[in-house]
């Protein structure tokens, strides 16, 4: 599998180039996700591509970052001028991704939500988000847009807040170049089962990004991979293997008190361990256990995954 890690974890200041050099020194990290416009403030996309090539890194995705000027919403903002600004900023992010050698833009709408009852026209504003994605998808059909849902934060309630909501909006947008990114901690926050979500999107060919991390369900903790939910992580990875997921796994973890290189290496080591266990037990065998739909058999499988010698 292919791996990327969170650039901002390596950047104490504002120098994206210095952070990229630190990331490139981590053996096993060959891809990078860049925030737009944050990581392109002092460097043009073409120059960024040259730097990445020099460092042996490949741009996986450009992630849109909408800051405080969009505090009342991005694509559903009632101020049409601000809404247009968000859409046009995304178009610039799409162009930056293409210039940087990627065909993927990740969109998390942190401010498209509401905090109080009687504050949002749910149907109208949901429709405005759909229309924005349709316009963006048609702007450059050669670039994929991937919707990353989160149930809350920055707002009390997000408009695109769950797996079900994401599947629904994808059908309404109805564009071949619009899919979804699953963030493990966001799924836990929403009460979604990570394996279930991965299976649904993979079966439809719409899982285009994976942000792997862990948390305590209530918040976006950004803890190391499988540190809290090892079995849920194993099931999630099983579905990636079963459906031959060919995308990048991005470690969206937050080493606040940990050294960034060591934390990335720990995530890589955990992934190697979990993937080896799944392959040693066997994808076909796991599928057979699932098909039995028997809780005791699934417990035996979990015991086998813990016990197996590598």
Protein backbone atom coordinates (compact mmCIF):
# COMPACT_ATOMS: atom_id res chain seq x y z
CA UNK A 1 0.00 0.00 0.00
CA UNK A 2 0.96 3.64 -0.46
CA UNK A 3 1.31 6.05 2.46
CA UNK A 4 1.27 9.77 3.15
CA UNK A 5 1.44 11.65 6.42
CA UNK A 6 0.20 15.00 7.74
CA UNK A 7 2.51 17.76 6.59
CA UNK A 8 1.56 20.20 9.34
CA UNK A 9 2.80 17.71 11.94
CA UNK A 10 6.29 18.33 10.55
CA UNK A 11 6.00 22.09 10.34
CA UNK A 12 6.45 24.17 13.47
CA UNK A 13 6.50 27.34 11.38
CA UNK A 14 5.18 28.29 7.96
CA UNK A 15 7.91 26.75 5.78
CA UNK A 16 6.22 24.01 3.75
CA UNK A 17 9.48 23.21 1.99
CA UNK A 18 11.27 22.46 5.26
CA UNK A 19 8.41 20.25 6.37
CA UNK A 20 8.46 18.36 3.08
CA UNK A 21 12.17 17.66 3.49
CA UNK A 22 11.49 16.14 6.91
CA UNK A 23 8.67 14.02 5.50
CA UNK A 24 10.84 12.82 2.62
CA UNK A 25 13.40 11.53 5.13
CA UNK A 26 10.86 9.08 6.61
CA UNK A 27 11.37 5.71 4.93
CA UNK A 28 8.01 4.40 3.69
CA UNK A 29 6.30 7.76 3.17
CA UNK A 30 6.30 8.41 -0.57
CA UNK A 31 3.20 10.60 -0.96
CA UNK A 32 2.04 13.89 0.48
CA UNK A 33 -1.24 15.79 0.78
CA UNK A 34 -1.00 19.58 0.54
CA UNK A 35 -3.50 22.13 1.83
CA UNK A 36 -4.77 24.84 -0.50
CA UNK A 37 -4.12 27.71 -0.29
CA UNK A 38 -2.11 27.25 2.92
CA UNK A 39 0.87 25.35 1.49
CA UNK A 40 0.99 27.33 -1.76
CA UNK A 41 1.25 30.83 -0.31
CA UNK A 42 4.98 31.21 -1.03
CA UNK A 43 5.39 28.75 -3.89
CA UNK A 44 3.60 28.29 -7.19
CA UNK A 45 2.15 24.84 -7.98
CA UNK A 46 4.67 24.23 -10.79
CA UNK A 47 7.56 25.02 -8.45
CA UNK A 48 5.97 22.77 -5.82
CA UNK A 49 5.94 19.93 -8.37
CA UNK A 50 9.65 20.49 -9.02
CA UNK A 51 10.40 20.41 -5.29
CA UNK A 52 8.38 17.23 -4.78
CA UNK A 53 10.18 15.56 -7.66
CA UNK A 54 13.54 16.51 -6.15
CA UNK A 55 12.51 15.02 -2.80
CA UNK A 56 11.11 11.83 -4.30
CA UNK A 57 7.58 12.61 -3.14
CA UNK A 58 4.33 12.39 -5.13
CA UNK A 59 1.36 14.69 -4.59
CA UNK A 60 -1.60 12.52 -3.58
CA UNK A 61 -4.25 15.18 -3.07
CA UNK A 62 -4.78 18.87 -2.60
CA UNK A 63 -7.02 19.42 0.44
CA UNK A 64 -9.13 22.57 0.42
CA UNK A 65 -8.86 24.70 3.56
CA UNK A 66 -11.52 27.33 4.08
CA UNK A 67 -10.64 29.73 6.87
CA UNK A 68 -12.50 32.29 8.96
CA UNK A 69 -13.76 34.40 6.04
CA UNK A 70 -16.11 31.48 5.38
CA UNK A 71 -17.28 31.18 8.98
CA UNK A 72 -20.94 31.42 7.88
CA UNK A 73 -20.55 28.67 5.30
CA UNK A 74 -18.68 27.78 2.14
CA UNK A 75 -20.89 26.41 -0.65
CA UNK A 76 -24.14 27.14 1.22
CA UNK A 77 -23.22 30.65 2.38
CA UNK A 78 -26.24 32.97 2.03
CA UNK A 79 -23.95 35.78 0.88
CA UNK A 80 -23.62 34.85 -2.78
CA UNK A 81 -20.36 36.79 -3.12
CA UNK A 82 -18.76 34.73 -0.34
CA UNK A 83 -20.22 31.53 -1.76
CA UNK A 84 -18.73 32.38 -5.17
CA UNK A 85 -15.40 33.08 -3.49
CA UNK A 86 -15.43 29.58 -1.96
CA UNK A 87 -16.26 27.99 -5.32
CA UNK A 88 -13.60 30.00 -7.17
CA UNK A 89 -11.03 29.18 -4.48
CA UNK A 90 -11.80 25.50 -5.05
CA UNK A 91 -11.26 25.93 -8.78
CA UNK A 92 -7.82 27.36 -8.02
CA UNK A 93 -7.18 24.35 -5.79
CA UNK A 94 -8.21 22.04 -8.63
CA UNK A 95 -5.77 23.78 -10.96
CA UNK A 96 -3.03 23.59 -8.31
CA UNK A 97 -3.57 19.84 -7.94
CA UNK A 98 -3.30 19.28 -11.69
CA UNK A 99 -0.17 21.43 -11.93
CA UNK A 100 1.32 19.53 -9.01
CA UNK A 101 0.78 16.17 -10.68
CA UNK A 102 -2.38 15.01 -8.88
CA UNK A 103 -5.91 14.38 -10.13
CA UNK A 104 -7.50 14.49 -6.66
CA UNK A 105 -8.91 17.36 -4.56
CA UNK A 106 -10.29 16.65 -1.09
CA UNK A 107 -13.12 18.89 0.12
CA UNK A 108 -14.14 19.13 3.78
CA UNK A 109 -16.86 21.73 4.33
CA UNK A 110 -16.20 22.58 7.97
CA UNK A 111 -18.34 25.72 8.00
CA UNK A 112 -21.28 24.45 5.94
CA UNK A 113 -23.48 23.64 8.89
CA UNK A 114 -25.55 25.16 11.66
CA UNK A 115 -25.44 25.75 15.41
CA UNK A 116 -29.07 26.35 16.33
CA UNK A 117 -32.52 25.16 15.38
CA UNK A 118 -34.35 27.46 12.92
CA UNK A 119 -30.98 28.60 11.53
CA UNK A 120 -30.71 26.55 8.34
CA UNK A 121 -32.96 25.89 5.37
CA UNK A 122 -31.84 22.27 5.21
CA UNK A 123 -33.22 21.37 1.79
CA UNK A 124 -32.34 24.64 0.05
CA UNK A 125 -28.80 24.82 1.44
CA UNK A 126 -28.12 21.14 0.80
CA UNK A 127 -29.17 21.79 -2.78
CA UNK A 128 -26.77 24.75 -3.03
CA UNK A 129 -23.92 22.44 -1.99
CA UNK A 130 -24.98 19.92 -4.64
CA UNK A 131 -25.02 22.66 -7.30
CA UNK A 132 -21.56 23.85 -6.25
CA UNK A 133 -20.08 20.37 -6.59
CA UNK A 134 -21.71 19.93 -9.99
CA UNK A 135 -20.17 23.18 -11.20
CA UNK A 136 -16.77 22.20 -9.81
CA UNK A 137 -16.93 18.70 -11.28
CA UNK A 138 -17.79 20.13 -14.70
CA UNK A 139 -15.01 22.73 -14.44
CA UNK A 140 -12.31 20.06 -14.89
CA UNK A 141 -13.63 16.54 -15.47
CA UNK A 142 -10.04 15.27 -15.47
CA UNK A 143 -9.71 16.07 -11.74
CA UNK A 144 -11.60 14.10 -9.11
CA UNK A 145 -13.34 15.76 -6.15
CA UNK A 146 -13.51 13.75 -2.94
CA UNK A 147 -15.96 14.73 -0.20
CA UNK A 148 -14.71 14.25 3.37
CA UNK A 149 -17.54 14.25 5.88
CA UNK A 150 -17.41 15.17 9.56
CA UNK A 151 -20.44 15.37 11.84
CA UNK A 152 -19.40 18.53 13.71
CA UNK A 153 -16.46 20.86 14.28
CA UNK A 154 -16.24 23.65 13.06
CA UNK A 155 -20.04 23.94 13.39
CA UNK A 156 -22.21 22.25 16.01
CA UNK A 157 -23.82 20.31 13.16
CA UNK A 158 -22.37 19.80 9.68
CA UNK A 159 -24.59 19.56 6.61
CA UNK A 160 -22.58 16.65 5.17
CA UNK A 161 -22.30 14.77 8.43
CA UNK A 162 -22.41 11.00 7.92
CA UNK A 163 -21.83 8.07 5.61
CA UNK A 164 -25.50 8.06 4.67
CA UNK A 165 -25.46 11.78 3.93
CA UNK A 166 -22.35 11.34 1.81
CA UNK A 167 -23.85 8.49 -0.22
CA UNK A 168 -26.99 10.59 -0.69
CA UNK A 169 -25.16 13.71 -1.86
CA UNK A 170 -23.00 11.70 -4.26
CA UNK A 171 -26.14 10.41 -5.97
CA UNK A 172 -27.61 13.91 -6.16
CA UNK A 173 -24.39 15.39 -7.56
CA UNK A 174 -24.33 12.55 -10.12
CA UNK A 175 -20.89 13.19 -11.56
CA UNK A 176 -18.34 10.44 -12.32
CA UNK A 177 -15.47 12.55 -10.95
CA UNK A 178 -16.99 13.10 -7.49
CA UNK A 179 -16.38 10.52 -4.76
CA UNK A 180 -15.56 10.39 -1.06
CA UNK A 181 -12.72 10.34 1.45
CA UNK A 182 -13.22 8.47 4.72
CA UNK A 183 -11.56 9.77 7.86
CA UNK A 184 -11.52 7.03 10.52
CA UNK A 185 -11.95 9.39 13.50
CA UNK A 186 -14.71 11.35 11.75
CA UNK A 187 -16.58 8.08 11.22
CA UNK A 188 -16.30 7.26 14.91
CA UNK A 189 -17.59 10.73 15.79
CA UNK A 190 -20.60 10.17 13.53
CA UNK A 191 -21.37 6.76 15.04
CA UNK A 192 -20.57 5.08 11.72
CA UNK A 193 -18.85 1.70 11.55
CA UNK A 194 -15.60 2.27 9.60
CA UNK A 195 -15.66 -1.13 7.91
CA UNK A 196 -19.27 -0.68 6.85
CA UNK A 197 -18.51 2.69 5.28
CA UNK A 198 -15.44 1.41 3.46
CA UNK A 199 -17.36 -1.56 2.08
CA UNK A 200 -20.23 0.59 0.80
CA UNK A 201 -18.04 3.13 -0.99
CA UNK A 202 -15.61 0.53 -2.33
CA UNK A 203 -18.47 -1.50 -3.77
CA UNK A 204 -19.63 1.60 -5.67
CA UNK A 205 -16.11 2.56 -6.77
CA UNK A 206 -16.36 5.84 -4.90
CA UNK A 207 -13.74 5.51 -2.14
CA UNK A 208 -10.97 7.81 -3.36
CA UNK A 209 -9.24 8.73 -0.11
CA UNK A 210 -8.50 7.23 3.31
CA UNK A 211 -7.46 9.25 6.36
CA UNK A 212 -6.32 6.76 8.96
CA UNK A 213 -6.02 7.67 12.63
CA UNK A 214 -7.90 6.84 15.84
CA UNK A 215 -9.83 8.54 18.60
CA UNK A 216 -12.18 8.21 21.52
CA UNK A 217 -15.33 8.65 19.41
CA UNK A 218 -16.40 12.10 20.62
CA UNK A 219 -13.71 14.30 19.07
CA UNK A 220 -11.19 14.42 16.23
CA UNK A 221 -8.36 13.26 18.48
CA UNK A 222 -5.89 12.36 15.73
CA UNK A 223 -4.38 9.50 17.71
CA UNK A 224 -2.02 6.94 16.22
CA UNK A 225 -3.43 4.21 14.00
CA UNK A 226 -5.24 1.38 15.85
CA UNK A 227 -4.29 2.77 19.26
CA UNK A 228 -7.92 2.66 20.49
CA UNK A 229 -9.87 0.59 17.94
CA UNK A 230 -7.58 -2.19 16.67
CA UNK A 231 -10.35 -4.56 15.53
CA UNK A 232 -12.30 -1.83 13.76
CA UNK A 233 -9.06 -0.84 12.02
CA UNK A 234 -8.41 -4.44 11.03
CA UNK A 235 -11.90 -4.76 9.56
CA UNK A 236 -11.49 -1.47 7.71
CA UNK A 237 -8.20 -2.67 6.22
CA UNK A 238 -9.73 -6.04 5.35
CA UNK A 239 -12.22 -4.29 3.07
CA UNK A 240 -9.45 -2.24 1.47
CA UNK A 241 -7.65 -5.49 0.65
CA UNK A 242 -10.80 -7.32 -0.41
CA UNK A 243 -11.73 -4.61 -2.90
CA UNK A 244 -8.14 -3.95 -4.05
CA UNK A 245 -8.07 -0.34 -2.91
CA UNK A 246 -5.30 1.32 -4.89
CA UNK A 247 -5.36 4.78 -3.32
CA UNK A 248 -3.06 6.33 -0.75
CA UNK A 249 -3.53 5.89 2.99
CA UNK A 250 -2.95 9.25 4.66
CA UNK A 251 -1.97 9.28 8.34
CA UNK A 252 -4.12 12.15 9.64
CA UNK A 253 -2.64 12.03 13.13
CA UNK A 254 -1.59 14.84 15.45
CA UNK A 255 1.76 14.32 17.23
CA UNK A 256 1.49 17.22 19.69
CA UNK A 257 3.82 15.83 22.35
CA UNK A 258 5.44 13.20 20.13
CA UNK A 259 8.25 13.70 17.65
CA UNK A 260 6.72 13.76 14.17
CA UNK A 261 9.16 11.38 12.48
CA UNK A 262 8.85 8.80 15.26
CA UNK A 263 5.06 9.00 15.20
CA UNK A 264 4.93 8.49 11.43
CA UNK A 265 7.27 5.52 11.77
CA UNK A 266 5.03 4.06 14.48
CA UNK A 267 2.01 4.38 12.16
CA UNK A 268 3.94 2.63 9.40
CA UNK A 269 4.98 -0.17 11.75
CA UNK A 270 1.40 -0.62 12.94
CA UNK A 271 0.15 -0.80 9.37
CA UNK A 272 2.76 -3.40 8.46
CA UNK A 273 1.77 -5.50 11.48
CA UNK A 274 -1.98 -5.30 10.80
CA UNK A 275 -1.67 -5.98 7.09
CA UNK A 276 0.62 -8.94 7.73
CA UNK A 277 -1.88 -10.41 10.20
CA UNK A 278 -4.77 -10.03 7.76
CA UNK A 279 -2.80 -11.64 4.95
CA UNK A 280 -1.57 -14.45 7.20
CA UNK A 281 -5.10 -15.33 8.30
CA UNK A 282 -6.25 -14.92 4.71
CA UNK A 283 -8.76 -12.62 3.05
CA UNK A 284 -10.77 -15.60 1.77
CA UNK A 285 -10.91 -17.14 5.25
CA UNK A 286 -12.08 -13.86 6.77
CA UNK A 287 -14.75 -13.61 4.06
CA UNK A 288 -15.91 -17.14 4.89
CA UNK A 289 -16.24 -16.20 8.56
CA UNK A 290 -18.22 -13.07 7.67
CA UNK A 291 -20.55 -15.12 5.49
CA UNK A 292 -21.42 -17.32 8.49
CA UNK A 293 -22.91 -14.25 10.23
CA UNK A 294 -22.10 -15.87 13.57
CA UNK A 295 -20.90 -13.85 16.55
CA UNK A 296 -18.94 -16.73 18.07
CA UNK A 297 -17.14 -17.39 14.81
CA UNK A 298 -16.27 -13.71 14.51
CA UNK A 299 -14.85 -13.82 18.06
CA UNK A 300 -12.73 -16.81 17.08
CA UNK A 301 -11.46 -14.82 14.14
CA UNK A 302 -10.57 -11.88 16.38
CA UNK A 303 -8.68 -14.27 18.67
CA UNK A 304 -6.89 -15.70 15.65
CA UNK A 305 -5.85 -12.25 14.51
CA UNK A 306 -4.42 -11.52 17.97
CA UNK A 307 -2.75 -14.92 18.35
CA UNK A 308 -1.24 -15.55 14.95
CA UNK A 309 2.55 -15.68 14.83
CA UNK A 310 4.18 -13.69 12.10
